[in-house]
């Protein structure tokens, strides 16, 4: 069971840490980051071991935050739904920063 959670969380981490491109949209980056926050917001869950042992915090601090910034900048506000998507990206970035602060305070 641990390997399934590990595979899923590593996949999401990879998506959240990859800048958008022709094959990866900003929306996917935002959703992956949001999913990681939702999954690992409770450090008492047994699968949280994947977060700690996998060094996810360091990866999110490094490439995750940078990837989200690039994904936000890549959103065309003039396109239909672009303004809302950009707002969602900015909210996700703020949530990720708060999540990182929270996880750092835990000092695992």
C-alpha atoms as a PDB file:
ATOM      1  CA  UNK A   1       0.000   0.000   0.000  1.00  0.00           C
ATOM      2  CA  UNK A   2       2.861   2.338   0.819  1.00  0.00           C
ATOM      3  CA  UNK A   3       4.280   1.972  -2.674  1.00  0.00           C
ATOM      4  CA  UNK A   4       0.974   3.039  -4.273  1.00  0.00           C
ATOM      5  CA  UNK A   5       0.843   6.214  -2.168  1.00  0.00           C
ATOM      6  CA  UNK A   6       4.497   6.812  -2.895  1.00  0.00           C
ATOM      7  CA  UNK A   7       4.019   6.432  -6.640  1.00  0.00           C
ATOM      8  CA  UNK A   8       1.019   8.761  -6.692  1.00  0.00           C
ATOM      9  CA  UNK A   9       2.629  11.406  -4.526  1.00  0.00           C
ATOM     10  CA  UNK A  10       5.870  11.323  -6.532  1.00  0.00           C
ATOM     11  CA  UNK A  11       3.867  11.705  -9.746  1.00  0.00           C
ATOM     12  CA  UNK A  12       2.032  14.727  -8.316  1.00  0.00           C
ATOM     13  CA  UNK A  13       5.286  16.189  -7.006  1.00  0.00           C
ATOM     14  CA  UNK A  14       6.845  15.810 -10.445  1.00  0.00           C
ATOM     15  CA  UNK A  15       3.876  17.596 -12.066  1.00  0.00           C
ATOM     16  CA  UNK A  16       3.893  20.370  -9.454  1.00  0.00           C
ATOM     17  CA  UNK A  17       7.641  20.885  -9.884  1.00  0.00           C
ATOM     18  CA  UNK A  18       7.628  21.091 -13.678  1.00  0.00           C
ATOM     19  CA  UNK A  19       7.140  24.447 -15.378  1.00  0.00           C
ATOM     20  CA  UNK A  20       4.260  24.516 -17.863  1.00  0.00           C
ATOM     21  CA  UNK A  21       4.977  23.647 -21.485  1.00  0.00           C
ATOM     22  CA  UNK A  22       3.084  22.698 -24.617  1.00  0.00           C
ATOM     23  CA  UNK A  23       2.349  19.289 -23.122  1.00  0.00           C
ATOM     24  CA  UNK A  24       1.764  20.439 -19.522  1.00  0.00           C
ATOM     25  CA  UNK A  25      -0.708  23.198 -18.820  1.00  0.00           C
ATOM     26  CA  UNK A  26      -0.626  25.675 -15.964  1.00  0.00           C
ATOM     27  CA  UNK A  27      -3.907  24.228 -14.742  1.00  0.00           C
ATOM     28  CA  UNK A  28      -2.283  20.803 -14.283  1.00  0.00           C
ATOM     29  CA  UNK A  29       0.564  22.356 -12.274  1.00  0.00           C
ATOM     30  CA  UNK A  30      -1.938  24.183 -10.039  1.00  0.00           C
ATOM     31  CA  UNK A  31      -4.025  21.066  -9.465  1.00  0.00           C
ATOM     32  CA  UNK A  32      -1.004  18.883  -8.687  1.00  0.00           C
ATOM     33  CA  UNK A  33       0.274  21.372  -6.099  1.00  0.00           C
ATOM     34  CA  UNK A  34      -3.191  21.673  -4.543  1.00  0.00           C
ATOM     35  CA  UNK A  35      -3.508  17.898  -4.372  1.00  0.00           C
ATOM     36  CA  UNK A  36      -0.158  17.558  -2.591  1.00  0.00           C
ATOM     37  CA  UNK A  37      -1.224  20.154  -0.037  1.00  0.00           C
ATOM     38  CA  UNK A  38      -4.506  18.309   0.539  1.00  0.00           C
ATOM     39  CA  UNK A  39      -2.863  14.902   0.821  1.00  0.00           C
ATOM     40  CA  UNK A  40      -0.033  15.904   3.146  1.00  0.00           C
ATOM     41  CA  UNK A  41      -1.745  18.523   5.304  1.00  0.00           C
ATOM     42  CA  UNK A  42      -2.168  15.980   8.108  1.00  0.00           C
ATOM     43  CA  UNK A  43       1.246  14.814   9.267  1.00  0.00           C
ATOM     44  CA  UNK A  44      -0.311  12.123  11.498  1.00  0.00           C
ATOM     45  CA  UNK A  45      -1.456   9.982   8.573  1.00  0.00           C
ATOM     46  CA  UNK A  46       0.592   6.824   7.971  1.00  0.00           C
ATOM     47  CA  UNK A  47       1.384   7.758   4.355  1.00  0.00           C
ATOM     48  CA  UNK A  48       3.032  11.013   5.502  1.00  0.00           C
ATOM     49  CA  UNK A  49       6.236   8.983   5.767  1.00  0.00           C
ATOM     50  CA  UNK A  50       6.491   9.359   1.983  1.00  0.00           C
ATOM     51  CA  UNK A  51       6.560  13.143   2.355  1.00  0.00           C
ATOM     52  CA  UNK A  52       9.288  13.100   4.990  1.00  0.00           C
ATOM     53  CA  UNK A  53      11.483  10.345   3.585  1.00  0.00           C
ATOM     54  CA  UNK A  54      11.091  11.575   0.015  1.00  0.00           C
ATOM     55  CA  UNK A  55      12.328  15.066   0.852  1.00  0.00           C
ATOM     56  CA  UNK A  56       9.169  16.587  -0.589  1.00  0.00           C
ATOM     57  CA  UNK A  57       9.440  19.743   1.498  1.00  0.00           C
ATOM     58  CA  UNK A  58      12.822  20.611   0.006  1.00  0.00           C
ATOM     59  CA  UNK A  59      11.551  19.864  -3.496  1.00  0.00           C
ATOM     60  CA  UNK A  60       8.481  22.050  -3.012  1.00  0.00           C
ATOM     61  CA  UNK A  61      10.565  24.888  -1.598  1.00  0.00           C
ATOM     62  CA  UNK A  62      12.905  24.693  -4.568  1.00  0.00           C
ATOM     63  CA  UNK A  63      11.319  23.741  -7.839  1.00  0.00           C
ATOM     64  CA  UNK A  64       7.678  23.628  -6.680  1.00  0.00           C
ATOM     65  CA  UNK A  65       7.326  27.305  -5.832  1.00  0.00           C
ATOM     66  CA  UNK A  66       9.344  28.329  -8.890  1.00  0.00           C
ATOM     67  CA  UNK A  67       7.211  26.129 -11.139  1.00  0.00           C
ATOM     68  CA  UNK A  68       4.011  27.665  -9.772  1.00  0.00           C
ATOM     69  CA  UNK A  69       5.308  31.184 -10.400  1.00  0.00           C
ATOM     70  CA  UNK A  70       6.120  30.266 -14.004  1.00  0.00           C
ATOM     71  CA  UNK A  71       2.731  28.592 -14.424  1.00  0.00           C
ATOM     72  CA  UNK A  72       0.965  31.738 -13.187  1.00  0.00           C
ATOM     73  CA  UNK A  73       2.934  33.915 -15.613  1.00  0.00           C
ATOM     74  CA  UNK A  74       2.106  31.547 -18.470  1.00  0.00           C
ATOM     75  CA  UNK A  75      -1.654  32.050 -18.055  1.00  0.00           C
ATOM     76  CA  UNK A  76      -3.084  34.348 -20.715  1.00  0.00           C
ATOM     77  CA  UNK A  77      -5.600  36.546 -18.902  1.00  0.00           C
ATOM     78  CA  UNK A  78      -7.146  37.599 -22.214  1.00  0.00           C
ATOM     79  CA  UNK A  79      -8.288  34.077 -23.059  1.00  0.00           C
ATOM     80  CA  UNK A  80     -11.643  32.862 -21.844  1.00  0.00           C
ATOM     81  CA  UNK A  81     -11.294  31.763 -18.224  1.00  0.00           C
ATOM     82  CA  UNK A  82      -7.744  33.074 -18.080  1.00  0.00           C
ATOM     83  CA  UNK A  83      -8.358  35.634 -15.372  1.00  0.00           C
ATOM     84  CA  UNK A  84     -10.006  33.057 -13.108  1.00  0.00           C
ATOM     85  CA  UNK A  85      -7.261  30.510 -13.787  1.00  0.00           C
ATOM     86  CA  UNK A  86      -4.579  33.043 -12.915  1.00  0.00           C
ATOM     87  CA  UNK A  87      -6.395  33.886  -9.661  1.00  0.00           C
ATOM     88  CA  UNK A  88      -6.556  30.177  -8.856  1.00  0.00           C
ATOM     89  CA  UNK A  89      -2.841  29.895  -9.508  1.00  0.00           C
ATOM     90  CA  UNK A  90      -2.067  32.813  -7.224  1.00  0.00           C
ATOM     91  CA  UNK A  91      -4.229  31.252  -4.513  1.00  0.00           C
ATOM     92  CA  UNK A  92      -2.439  27.936  -4.959  1.00  0.00           C
ATOM     93  CA  UNK A  93       0.938  29.658  -4.651  1.00  0.00           C
ATOM     94  CA  UNK A  94      -0.162  31.381  -1.445  1.00  0.00           C
ATOM     95  CA  UNK A  95      -1.459  28.060  -0.079  1.00  0.00           C
ATOM     96  CA  UNK A  96       1.803  26.337  -0.985  1.00  0.00           C
ATOM     97  CA  UNK A  97       3.843  28.990   0.797  1.00  0.00           C
ATOM     98  CA  UNK A  98       1.649  28.631   3.906  1.00  0.00           C
ATOM     99  CA  UNK A  99       1.923  24.837   3.680  1.00  0.00           C
ATOM    100  CA  UNK A 100       5.720  25.021   3.483  1.00  0.00           C
ATOM    101  CA  UNK A 101       5.820  27.294   6.551  1.00  0.00           C
ATOM    102  CA  UNK A 102       3.563  24.867   8.424  1.00  0.00           C
ATOM    103  CA  UNK A 103       5.640  21.829   7.523  1.00  0.00           C
ATOM    104  CA  UNK A 104       8.887  23.605   8.447  1.00  0.00           C
ATOM    105  CA  UNK A 105       7.501  24.353  11.915  1.00  0.00           C
ATOM    106  CA  UNK A 106       6.892  20.621  12.462  1.00  0.00           C
ATOM    107  CA  UNK A 107      10.661  19.974  12.293  1.00  0.00           C
ATOM    108  CA  UNK A 108      10.504  16.322  11.344  1.00  0.00           C
END
